[in-house]
Amino acid sequence: MLKIALINGSPKAKSSASKAVLQALRTFVNDSEITEYDFRKPQLSIEHMEQLEEQDVWVLAFPLYVDGIPSHVLSCLAQLENYFKAKPTPKVTVYCLVNCGFYEGEQCGLALEMVENWCARSGWQWGQGMGIGAGGMLPAVKNVPVGSGPKK
């Protein structure tokens, strides 16, 4: 069974677009063991890093901050990189979902490249990423069925 870590990088505790995106993704993932993590603070616990080591896939979702990765998420990524330097690199595939308030998701391209470069530097397999526009709208349409309205 595939072990998937859904990592919410939004600093918001409630009603974040990143959480809405991960919850929507969850409906498409069957026959997998899913664990959710919040990277709200710039520091990860050893326990969380040990748990992440056991996962096959990391799906990272965060809001775009000045065309890049939010500083608290960047701190977590640096901490993960340092933690795994002294160990054999786990075989993890990393996917990334970046949301922004702009209508066009292409604004997220630089942040996606940053995560891809971090994967190359850290030894993780880059899966792929997606930039999502109109992120602020996502929590408001969380109850709209997939395939309907703005979720077509």
C-alpha atoms as a PDB file:
ATOM      1  CA  MET A   1       0.000   0.000   0.000  1.00  0.00           C
ATOM      2  CA  LEU A   2       1.313   3.433  -0.975  1.00  0.00           C
ATOM      3  CA  LYS A   3       1.987   5.766   1.954  1.00  0.00           C
ATOM      4  CA  ILE A   4       1.196   9.386   1.118  1.00  0.00           C
ATOM      5  CA  ALA A   5       1.970  12.456   3.228  1.00  0.00           C
ATOM      6  CA  LEU A   6      -0.312  15.421   2.533  1.00  0.00           C
ATOM      7  CA  ILE A   7       1.642  18.441   3.758  1.00  0.00           C
ATOM      8  CA  ASN A   8      -0.254  21.688   4.296  1.00  0.00           C
ATOM      9  CA  GLY A   9       2.164  24.620   4.185  1.00  0.00           C
ATOM     10  CA  SER A  10      -0.408  27.333   4.817  1.00  0.00           C
ATOM     11  CA  PRO A  11       0.087  29.415   7.959  1.00  0.00           C
ATOM     12  CA  LYS A  12      -3.717  29.570   8.346  1.00  0.00           C
ATOM     13  CA  ALA A  13      -5.206  27.195  10.895  1.00  0.00           C
ATOM     14  CA  LYS A  14      -8.644  27.267   9.243  1.00  0.00           C
ATOM     15  CA  SER A  15     -10.119  27.891   5.802  1.00  0.00           C
ATOM     16  CA  SER A  16      -6.884  27.767   3.838  1.00  0.00           C
ATOM     17  CA  ALA A  17      -6.804  27.200   0.097  1.00  0.00           C
ATOM     18  CA  SER A  18      -3.933  24.735   0.569  1.00  0.00           C
ATOM     19  CA  LYS A  19      -6.044  22.580   2.877  1.00  0.00           C
ATOM     20  CA  ALA A  20      -8.973  22.753   0.415  1.00  0.00           C
ATOM     21  CA  VAL A  21      -6.685  21.567  -2.410  1.00  0.00           C
ATOM     22  CA  LEU A  22      -5.349  18.667  -0.341  1.00  0.00           C
ATOM     23  CA  GLN A  23      -8.851  17.633   0.731  1.00  0.00           C
ATOM     24  CA  ALA A  24      -9.972  17.640  -2.910  1.00  0.00           C
ATOM     25  CA  LEU A  25      -6.935  15.545  -3.877  1.00  0.00           C
ATOM     26  CA  ARG A  26      -7.717  13.083  -1.108  1.00  0.00           C
ATOM     27  CA  THR A  27     -10.966  12.093  -2.866  1.00  0.00           C
ATOM     28  CA  PHE A  28      -8.957  10.829  -5.856  1.00  0.00           C
ATOM     29  CA  VAL A  29      -6.495   8.705  -3.896  1.00  0.00           C
ATOM     30  CA  ASN A  30      -7.768   5.210  -3.205  1.00  0.00           C
ATOM     31  CA  ASP A  31      -6.068   2.218  -1.611  1.00  0.00           C
ATOM     32  CA  SER A  32      -3.392   4.368   0.019  1.00  0.00           C
ATOM     33  CA  GLU A  33      -2.457   5.170   3.580  1.00  0.00           C
ATOM     34  CA  ILE A  34      -2.727   8.942   3.944  1.00  0.00           C
ATOM     35  CA  THR A  35      -1.179  10.981   6.741  1.00  0.00           C
ATOM     36  CA  GLU A  36      -1.696  14.737   7.076  1.00  0.00           C
ATOM     37  CA  TYR A  37       0.943  17.184   8.294  1.00  0.00           C
ATOM     38  CA  ASP A  38       0.864  20.930   8.922  1.00  0.00           C
ATOM     39  CA  PHE A  39       3.982  22.989   8.262  1.00  0.00           C
ATOM     40  CA  ARG A  40       2.531  26.114   9.928  1.00  0.00           C
ATOM     41  CA  LYS A  41       5.625  26.870  11.974  1.00  0.00           C
ATOM     42  CA  PRO A  42       9.257  27.097  10.835  1.00  0.00           C
ATOM     43  CA  GLN A  43      10.299  24.147  13.009  1.00  0.00           C
ATOM     44  CA  LEU A  44       9.510  20.429  12.572  1.00  0.00           C
ATOM     45  CA  SER A  45       9.603  17.894  15.367  1.00  0.00           C
ATOM     46  CA  ILE A  46      11.944  14.907  15.170  1.00  0.00           C
ATOM     47  CA  GLU A  47       8.832  12.728  15.381  1.00  0.00           C
ATOM     48  CA  HIS A  48       7.355  14.289  12.228  1.00  0.00           C
ATOM     49  CA  MET A  49      10.621  13.915  10.330  1.00  0.00           C
ATOM     50  CA  GLU A  50      10.837  10.257  11.349  1.00  0.00           C
ATOM     51  CA  GLN A  51       7.254   9.734  10.175  1.00  0.00           C
ATOM     52  CA  LEU A  52       7.972  11.478   6.863  1.00  0.00           C
ATOM     53  CA  GLU A  53      10.898   9.109   6.364  1.00  0.00           C
ATOM     54  CA  GLU A  54       8.395   6.223   6.216  1.00  0.00           C
ATOM     55  CA  GLN A  55       6.264   7.797   3.458  1.00  0.00           C
ATOM     56  CA  ASP A  56       6.514   6.946  -0.251  1.00  0.00           C
ATOM     57  CA  VAL A  57       5.059  10.214  -1.531  1.00  0.00           C
ATOM     58  CA  TRP A  58       5.020  13.765  -0.177  1.00  0.00           C
ATOM     59  CA  VAL A  59       2.406  16.147  -1.566  1.00  0.00           C
ATOM     60  CA  LEU A  60       3.338  19.654  -0.529  1.00  0.00           C
ATOM     61  CA  ALA A  61       0.707  22.413  -0.813  1.00  0.00           C
ATOM     62  CA  PHE A  62       1.295  26.042   0.077  1.00  0.00           C
ATOM     63  CA  PRO A  63       0.289  29.586  -0.892  1.00  0.00           C
ATOM     64  CA  LEU A  64       2.528  31.665  -3.128  1.00  0.00           C
ATOM     65  CA  TYR A  65       4.491  34.314  -1.215  1.00  0.00           C
ATOM     66  CA  VAL A  66       6.185  36.949  -3.392  1.00  0.00           C
ATOM     67  CA  ASP A  67       6.605  34.461  -6.261  1.00  0.00           C
ATOM     68  CA  GLY A  68       8.212  31.921  -3.956  1.00  0.00           C
ATOM     69  CA  ILE A  69       7.975  29.519  -1.051  1.00  0.00           C
ATOM     70  CA  PRO A  70       6.728  30.953   2.275  1.00  0.00           C
ATOM     71  CA  SER A  71       9.625  31.413   4.717  1.00  0.00           C
ATOM     72  CA  HIS A  72       8.208  29.027   7.326  1.00  0.00           C
ATOM     73  CA  VAL A  73       7.899  26.268   4.680  1.00  0.00           C
ATOM     74  CA  LEU A  74      11.395  27.030   3.399  1.00  0.00           C
ATOM     75  CA  SER A  75      12.716  26.594   6.955  1.00  0.00           C
ATOM     76  CA  CYS A  76      10.981  23.204   7.186  1.00  0.00           C
ATOM     77  CA  LEU A  77      12.439  22.109   3.841  1.00  0.00           C
ATOM     78  CA  ALA A  78      15.940  23.131   4.959  1.00  0.00           C
ATOM     79  CA  GLN A  79      15.444  21.232   8.205  1.00  0.00           C
ATOM     80  CA  LEU A  80      14.349  18.102   6.311  1.00  0.00           C
ATOM     81  CA  GLU A  81      17.355  18.391   4.008  1.00  0.00           C
ATOM     82  CA  ASN A  82      19.742  18.626   6.973  1.00  0.00           C
ATOM     83  CA  TYR A  83      18.020  15.822   8.891  1.00  0.00           C
ATOM     84  CA  PHE A  84      18.393  13.374   6.008  1.00  0.00           C
ATOM     85  CA  LYS A  85      21.986  14.357   5.115  1.00  0.00           C
ATOM     86  CA  ALA A  86      23.407  11.924   7.666  1.00  0.00           C
ATOM     87  CA  LYS A  87      21.076   9.102   6.602  1.00  0.00           C
ATOM     88  CA  PRO A  88      20.465   7.175   3.427  1.00  0.00           C
ATOM     89  CA  THR A  89      18.046   9.269   1.392  1.00  0.00           C
ATOM     90  CA  PRO A  90      14.559   7.766   1.578  1.00  0.00           C
ATOM     91  CA  LYS A  91      12.963   6.909  -1.759  1.00  0.00           C
ATOM     92  CA  VAL A  92      10.365   9.636  -1.737  1.00  0.00           C
ATOM     93  CA  THR A  93       8.606  11.221  -4.693  1.00  0.00           C
ATOM     94  CA  VAL A  94       7.650  14.857  -4.092  1.00  0.00           C
ATOM     95  CA  TYR A  95       4.665  16.579  -5.686  1.00  0.00           C
ATOM     96  CA  CYS A  96       3.793  20.218  -5.148  1.00  0.00           C
ATOM     97  CA  LEU A  97       0.579  22.247  -5.373  1.00  0.00           C
ATOM     98  CA  VAL A  98       1.045  26.013  -5.156  1.00  0.00           C
ATOM     99  CA  ASN A  99      -1.956  28.321  -4.989  1.00  0.00           C
ATOM    100  CA  CYS A 100      -2.068  32.041  -5.528  1.00  0.00           C
ATOM    101  CA  GLY A 101      -4.650  34.807  -5.445  1.00  0.00           C
ATOM    102  CA  PHE A 102      -4.025  35.742  -9.057  1.00  0.00           C
ATOM    103  CA  TYR A 103      -6.401  34.323 -11.613  1.00  0.00           C
ATOM    104  CA  GLU A 104      -3.565  32.652 -13.525  1.00  0.00           C
ATOM    105  CA  GLY A 105      -1.841  29.717 -11.867  1.00  0.00           C
ATOM    106  CA  GLU A 106       1.241  30.275 -14.031  1.00  0.00           C
ATOM    107  CA  GLN A 107       2.362  32.861 -11.453  1.00  0.00           C
ATOM    108  CA  CYS A 108       3.351  29.866  -9.295  1.00  0.00           C
ATOM    109  CA  GLY A 109       6.006  28.672 -11.749  1.00  0.00           C
ATOM    110  CA  LEU A 110       9.034  30.019  -9.874  1.00  0.00           C
ATOM    111  CA  ALA A 111       7.918  28.469  -6.579  1.00  0.00           C
ATOM    112  CA  LEU A 112       7.453  25.116  -8.324  1.00  0.00           C
ATOM    113  CA  GLU A 113      10.961  25.385  -9.785  1.00  0.00           C
ATOM    114  CA  MET A 114      12.305  26.117  -6.295  1.00  0.00           C
ATOM    115  CA  VAL A 115      10.766  22.916  -4.943  1.00  0.00           C
ATOM    116  CA  GLU A 116      12.041  20.965  -7.957  1.00  0.00           C
ATOM    117  CA  ASN A 117      15.564  22.323  -7.342  1.00  0.00           C
ATOM    118  CA  TRP A 118      15.287  21.462  -3.641  1.00  0.00           C
ATOM    119  CA  CYS A 119      14.407  17.877  -4.614  1.00  0.00           C
ATOM    120  CA  ALA A 120      17.465  17.652  -6.876  1.00  0.00           C
ATOM    121  CA  ARG A 121      19.704  19.038  -4.142  1.00  0.00           C
ATOM    122  CA  SER A 122      18.245  16.762  -1.461  1.00  0.00           C
ATOM    123  CA  GLY A 123      18.184  13.575  -3.523  1.00  0.00           C
ATOM    124  CA  TRP A 124      14.410  13.162  -3.682  1.00  0.00           C
ATOM    125  CA  GLN A 125      12.527  12.282  -6.832  1.00  0.00           C
ATOM    126  CA  TRP A 126      10.588  15.232  -8.254  1.00  0.00           C
ATOM    127  CA  GLY A 127       7.145  14.052  -9.370  1.00  0.00           C
ATOM    128  CA  GLN A 128       5.544  17.167 -10.749  1.00  0.00           C
ATOM    129  CA  GLY A 129       3.802  20.308  -9.635  1.00  0.00           C
ATOM    130  CA  MET A 130       0.827  22.456 -10.440  1.00  0.00           C
ATOM    131  CA  GLY A 131       0.121  26.148 -10.021  1.00  0.00           C
ATOM    132  CA  ILE A 132      -3.452  26.941  -9.031  1.00  0.00           C
ATOM    133  CA  GLY A 133      -4.968  30.368  -9.619  1.00  0.00           C
ATOM    134  CA  ALA A 134      -7.805  32.035  -7.703  1.00  0.00           C
ATOM    135  CA  GLY A 135      -6.676  30.260  -4.536  1.00  0.00           C
ATOM    136  CA  GLY A 136      -8.673  32.529  -2.263  1.00  0.00           C
ATOM    137  CA  MET A 137     -11.856  31.148  -3.796  1.00  0.00           C
ATOM    138  CA  LEU A 138     -11.078  27.489  -3.030  1.00  0.00           C
ATOM    139  CA  PRO A 139     -12.293  27.331   0.586  1.00  0.00           C
ATOM    140  CA  ALA A 140     -15.586  28.948  -0.491  1.00  0.00           C
ATOM    141  CA  VAL A 141     -16.282  26.254  -3.113  1.00  0.00           C
ATOM    142  CA  LYS A 142     -15.177  23.225  -1.093  1.00  0.00           C
ATOM    143  CA  ASN A 143     -18.721  21.801  -1.135  1.00  0.00           C
ATOM    144  CA  VAL A 144     -19.118  22.104  -4.916  1.00  0.00           C
ATOM    145  CA  PRO A 145     -18.930  18.590  -6.398  1.00  0.00           C
ATOM    146  CA  VAL A 146     -15.893  17.725  -8.511  1.00  0.00           C
ATOM    147  CA  GLY A 147     -16.733  18.202 -12.197  1.00  0.00           C
ATOM    148  CA  SER A 148     -19.250  20.962 -11.519  1.00  0.00           C
ATOM    149  CA  GLY A 149     -19.011  24.745 -11.742  1.00  0.00           C
ATOM    150  CA  PRO A 150     -15.497  26.024 -11.035  1.00  0.00           C
ATOM    151  CA  LYS A 151     -14.264  22.457 -10.391  1.00  0.00           C
ATOM    152  CA  LYS A 152     -14.623  21.325 -14.004  1.00  0.00           C
END
